Amino acid sequence: MNAARLPDVDAVLFDLGGTVLEIRHDAIADILARHGAAPAPGWERAAERQGRVRMEAAHAAGAERSAVWRAFFEGMMESTGTPEAAWTPVFEDVARHNREHHLWERELPGMGDALDTLRARGYRVAAISNSDGRAPELLARLGLAERFELVIDSHLVGVEKPDARIFHLACERLGLPPSRCAYVGDVNVFDAEGARAAGLVPVLFDAYGTYEDAPAGGARVTGPADLLTLFPGRAA
């Protein structure tokens, strides 16, 4: 973890995919194998890092949302050595799997307990996700819905991160100013920078070691236990 001392907050808001929920690496590996590009053991960490590098580069270049999303998987394929000629058919199968089953559908180990601990320490807990309208249903199916006082799904509200409006919408619904809310997410440009620009306290959740530094005015953590050290309990 690296951080300056964080300001006291009343609420901790979370990204979902890549933060509370982890991607189905097994599903991606199966798809790659069907296309003759089975990844080597231990491929996941490097692939996650390269996916974020490509995604942030695509966003910086002004790519449309669909191209930014695809860039993440192209980074994963690049990392695993998948021939570029196979990228399009692999991505089409990945996108189909996501539509039919949802790729981010596993609780990241320890995150459910961390959410419970934050609530027990007096923090309000909510979520803001760049999703496709299925975030509330997915959390309910995984037994995580009750951990969140509020869930904002970008598809349902018509605005997505890093736009400040989606962060402000969540704060307004909680009845809190942005400065009293921390936001935890795994992609620097969408989550940490977006939250900071909107006036929230940014916490970069870097489980795969993609980034070196904490965001300005915030913190970088590597897992749920690390995260909990930032929030010992609400000040009296």
Protein backbone atom coordinates (compact mmCIF):
# COMPACT_ATOMS: atom_id res chain seq x y z
CA MET A 1 0.00 0.00 0.00
CA ASN A 2 1.14 3.56 -0.61
CA ALA A 3 -0.77 6.61 0.54
CA ALA A 4 -0.77 9.75 2.51
CA ARG A 5 -3.17 9.79 5.45
CA LEU A 6 -6.66 9.83 3.99
CA PRO A 7 -9.24 12.35 5.10
CA ASP A 8 -12.08 11.02 7.22
CA VAL A 9 -15.10 9.94 5.14
CA ASP A 10 -18.64 8.76 5.81
CA ALA A 11 -19.01 6.42 2.82
CA VAL A 12 -16.85 4.04 0.80
CA LEU A 13 -18.05 3.57 -2.77
CA PHE A 14 -16.83 0.73 -4.98
CA ASP A 15 -16.33 -0.18 -8.59
CA LEU A 16 -17.60 -3.71 -9.28
CA GLY A 17 -15.77 -5.54 -12.11
CA GLY A 18 -12.09 -5.89 -11.23
CA THR A 19 -12.62 -4.66 -7.68
CA VAL A 20 -15.49 -6.38 -5.89
CA LEU A 21 -15.85 -9.00 -8.62
CA GLU A 22 -13.07 -10.81 -10.47
CA ILE A 23 -13.18 -11.87 -14.08
CA ARG A 24 -13.69 -15.50 -15.05
CA HIS A 25 -10.13 -16.28 -16.11
CA ASP A 26 -11.15 -19.90 -16.63
CA ALA A 27 -13.78 -18.87 -19.18
CA ILE A 28 -11.28 -16.75 -21.08
CA ALA A 29 -8.70 -19.56 -21.01
CA ASP A 30 -11.28 -21.98 -22.41
CA ILE A 31 -12.09 -19.60 -25.25
CA LEU A 32 -8.42 -19.09 -26.05
CA ALA A 33 -7.89 -22.86 -26.06
CA ARG A 34 -10.75 -23.34 -28.53
CA HIS A 35 -8.89 -21.01 -30.87
CA GLY A 36 -5.61 -22.87 -30.45
CA ALA A 37 -4.08 -20.31 -28.08
CA ALA A 38 -4.26 -21.89 -24.64
CA PRO A 39 -2.41 -19.65 -22.14
CA ALA A 40 0.48 -20.95 -20.07
CA PRO A 41 -0.03 -21.62 -16.35
CA GLY A 42 0.07 -18.45 -14.28
CA TRP A 43 -0.92 -16.22 -17.19
CA GLU A 44 -3.59 -14.24 -15.34
CA ARG A 45 -1.59 -11.57 -13.52
CA ALA A 46 0.45 -10.41 -16.52
CA ALA A 47 -2.64 -10.49 -18.73
CA GLU A 48 -4.63 -8.34 -16.32
CA ARG A 49 -1.81 -5.80 -16.21
CA GLN A 50 -1.43 -5.64 -19.99
CA GLY A 51 -5.18 -5.38 -20.42
CA ARG A 52 -5.30 -2.25 -18.26
CA VAL A 53 -2.31 -0.74 -20.06
CA ARG A 54 -4.02 -1.15 -23.44
CA MET A 55 -7.37 0.04 -22.12
CA GLU A 56 -5.94 3.23 -20.66
CA ALA A 57 -4.02 3.91 -23.87
CA ALA A 58 -7.19 3.48 -25.93
CA HIS A 59 -9.07 5.87 -23.67
CA ALA A 60 -6.25 8.44 -23.87
CA ALA A 61 -6.39 8.18 -27.67
CA GLY A 62 -10.09 9.08 -27.62
CA ALA A 63 -11.40 5.66 -28.61
CA GLU A 64 -15.11 4.94 -28.27
CA ARG A 65 -16.36 2.94 -25.30
CA SER A 66 -16.63 -0.32 -27.25
CA ALA A 67 -13.06 0.03 -28.51
CA VAL A 68 -11.76 0.80 -25.01
CA TRP A 69 -13.51 -2.31 -23.68
CA ARG A 70 -12.08 -4.42 -26.51
CA ALA A 71 -8.60 -3.01 -25.85
CA PHE A 72 -8.62 -4.64 -22.42
CA PHE A 73 -9.06 -8.09 -23.95
CA GLU A 74 -6.58 -7.36 -26.73
CA GLY A 75 -4.04 -6.62 -24.02
CA MET A 76 -4.82 -9.94 -22.38
CA MET A 77 -4.45 -11.76 -25.69
CA GLU A 78 -1.21 -9.95 -26.45
CA SER A 79 0.17 -10.96 -23.06
CA THR A 80 -0.68 -14.63 -23.60
CA GLY A 81 0.97 -14.71 -27.01
CA THR A 82 -2.29 -15.21 -28.91
CA PRO A 83 -1.62 -14.59 -32.62
CA GLU A 84 -3.10 -11.27 -33.72
CA ALA A 85 -5.04 -13.01 -36.47
CA ALA A 86 -7.07 -14.75 -33.77
CA TRP A 87 -7.89 -11.62 -31.76
CA THR A 88 -11.16 -10.83 -33.51
CA PRO A 89 -12.72 -14.31 -33.30
CA VAL A 90 -11.53 -14.69 -29.70
CA PHE A 91 -12.98 -11.32 -28.76
CA GLU A 92 -16.29 -12.16 -30.43
CA ASP A 93 -16.51 -15.33 -28.33
CA VAL A 94 -15.54 -13.44 -25.17
CA ALA A 95 -18.21 -10.81 -25.85
CA ARG A 96 -20.79 -13.53 -26.50
CA HIS A 97 -19.91 -15.26 -23.24
CA ASN A 98 -20.25 -11.97 -21.39
CA ARG A 99 -23.68 -11.33 -22.89
CA GLU A 100 -24.92 -14.81 -22.04
CA HIS A 101 -23.27 -15.42 -18.66
CA HIS A 102 -21.40 -12.29 -17.49
CA LEU A 103 -17.62 -12.48 -17.24
CA TRP A 104 -17.27 -10.68 -13.89
CA GLU A 105 -19.36 -13.03 -11.80
CA ARG A 106 -17.17 -14.14 -8.91
CA GLU A 107 -16.62 -12.33 -5.64
CA LEU A 108 -12.99 -11.35 -5.33
CA PRO A 109 -11.68 -13.42 -2.38
CA GLY A 110 -12.12 -11.57 0.89
CA MET A 111 -14.14 -8.71 -0.55
CA GLY A 112 -17.49 -9.71 0.92
CA ASP A 113 -15.97 -9.81 4.40
CA ALA A 114 -14.28 -6.46 3.77
CA LEU A 115 -17.61 -4.88 2.83
CA ASP A 116 -19.18 -6.26 5.99
CA THR A 117 -16.31 -4.94 8.08
CA LEU A 118 -16.61 -1.46 6.59
CA ARG A 119 -20.30 -1.39 7.41
CA ALA A 120 -19.63 -2.61 10.94
CA ARG A 121 -17.10 0.21 11.35
CA GLY A 122 -19.81 2.75 10.54
CA TYR A 123 -19.20 3.46 6.88
CA ARG A 124 -21.96 3.59 4.31
CA VAL A 125 -21.16 1.30 1.38
CA ALA A 126 -22.31 1.82 -2.21
CA ALA A 127 -21.27 0.92 -5.77
CA ILE A 128 -20.79 2.77 -9.06
CA SER A 129 -20.21 0.51 -12.06
CA ASN A 130 -19.74 1.00 -15.78
CA SER A 131 -22.08 -1.86 -16.53
CA ASP A 132 -24.75 -2.96 -18.98
CA GLY A 133 -27.85 -2.76 -16.82
CA ARG A 134 -27.28 -6.08 -15.04
CA ALA A 135 -25.29 -4.91 -12.01
CA PRO A 136 -28.15 -4.99 -9.46
CA GLU A 137 -29.32 -8.42 -10.65
CA LEU A 138 -25.78 -9.80 -10.65
CA LEU A 139 -25.09 -8.67 -7.09
CA ALA A 140 -28.38 -10.20 -5.96
CA ARG A 141 -27.52 -13.50 -7.63
CA LEU A 142 -24.13 -13.57 -5.91
CA GLY A 143 -25.61 -12.75 -2.52
CA LEU A 144 -23.81 -9.41 -2.36
CA ALA A 145 -26.70 -6.99 -2.90
CA GLU A 146 -27.41 -6.50 0.80
CA ARG A 147 -23.88 -5.23 1.33
CA PHE A 148 -24.62 -2.11 -0.72
CA GLU A 149 -26.93 0.70 0.31
CA LEU A 150 -26.94 1.95 -3.29
CA VAL A 151 -25.88 0.58 -6.69
CA ILE A 152 -25.43 2.92 -9.66
CA ASP A 153 -25.28 1.10 -13.02
CA SER A 154 -24.06 3.38 -15.82
CA HIS A 155 -26.39 1.83 -18.40
CA LEU A 156 -29.41 2.55 -16.23
CA VAL A 157 -28.51 6.19 -15.48
CA GLY A 158 -27.10 7.13 -18.90
CA VAL A 159 -23.65 8.33 -17.85
CA GLU A 160 -20.46 6.45 -17.08
CA LYS A 161 -17.09 6.86 -15.41
CA PRO A 162 -14.91 8.89 -15.57
CA ASP A 163 -17.66 11.50 -16.06
CA ALA A 164 -18.05 13.39 -12.78
CA ARG A 165 -21.84 13.27 -13.09
CA ILE A 166 -22.05 9.58 -12.21
CA PHE A 167 -19.99 10.12 -9.06
CA HIS A 168 -22.06 13.16 -8.11
CA LEU A 169 -25.28 11.23 -8.71
CA ALA A 170 -24.22 8.61 -6.17
CA CYS A 171 -23.21 11.26 -3.65
CA GLU A 172 -26.53 13.08 -4.09
CA ARG A 173 -28.50 9.88 -3.56
CA LEU A 174 -26.51 9.20 -0.40
CA GLY A 175 -27.05 12.78 0.75
CA LEU A 176 -23.31 13.36 1.16
CA PRO A 177 -20.86 15.84 -0.35
CA PRO A 178 -18.18 14.23 -2.56
CA SER A 179 -15.47 15.11 -0.05
CA ARG A 180 -17.12 12.77 2.48
CA CYS A 181 -16.94 9.80 0.10
CA ALA A 182 -14.03 7.58 -0.91
CA TYR A 183 -14.11 5.66 -4.17
CA VAL A 184 -12.31 2.34 -4.68
CA GLY A 185 -11.63 1.04 -8.20
CA ASP A 186 -9.09 -0.86 -10.25
CA VAL A 187 -8.53 1.32 -13.35
CA ASN A 188 -6.65 4.55 -12.77
CA VAL A 189 -8.16 6.66 -15.55
CA PHE A 190 -11.78 5.68 -14.93
CA ASP A 191 -11.83 5.10 -11.20
CA ALA A 192 -9.07 6.96 -9.39
CA GLU A 193 -8.76 9.95 -11.72
CA GLY A 194 -12.50 10.12 -12.28
CA ALA A 195 -13.23 10.07 -8.56
CA ARG A 196 -10.55 12.62 -7.75
CA ALA A 197 -11.79 15.01 -10.45
CA ALA A 198 -15.31 14.67 -9.03
CA GLY A 199 -14.10 15.60 -5.55
CA LEU A 200 -14.11 12.13 -3.95
CA VAL A 201 -11.14 10.55 -2.18
CA PRO A 202 -9.57 8.14 -4.72
CA VAL A 203 -8.37 4.66 -3.76
CA LEU A 204 -6.72 2.63 -6.52
CA PHE A 205 -7.37 -1.09 -6.05
CA ASP A 206 -4.31 -2.62 -7.74
CA ALA A 207 -4.57 -6.36 -7.15
CA TYR A 208 -2.40 -7.22 -10.18
CA GLY A 209 0.41 -4.70 -9.74
CA THR A 210 -0.37 -2.56 -12.78
CA TYR A 211 0.48 0.78 -11.20
CA GLU A 212 3.40 2.10 -9.18
CA ASP A 213 2.00 5.15 -7.44
CA ALA A 214 -1.03 6.17 -5.42
CA PRO A 215 -3.35 8.71 -7.02
CA ALA A 216 -2.94 12.29 -5.87
CA GLY A 217 -4.79 12.84 -2.62
CA GLY A 218 -5.56 9.15 -2.25
CA ALA A 219 -4.15 5.68 -1.81
CA ARG A 220 -3.13 2.55 -3.69
CA VAL A 221 -3.98 -0.84 -2.17
CA THR A 222 -3.41 -4.41 -3.34
CA GLY A 223 -6.25 -6.33 -1.73
CA PRO A 224 -9.16 -6.31 0.75
CA ALA A 225 -7.00 -6.56 3.88
CA ASP A 226 -4.83 -3.70 2.64
CA LEU A 227 -7.98 -1.70 1.95
CA LEU A 228 -9.31 -2.10 5.48
CA THR A 229 -6.22 -0.48 6.98
CA LEU A 230 -7.30 2.78 5.32
CA PHE A 231 -10.67 2.82 7.04
CA PRO A 232 -10.29 2.01 10.74
CA GLY A 233 -13.68 3.46 11.64
CA ARG A 234 -15.60 6.69 11.34
CA ALA A 235 -14.36 9.55 13.48
CA ALA A 236 -16.70 10.52 16.30
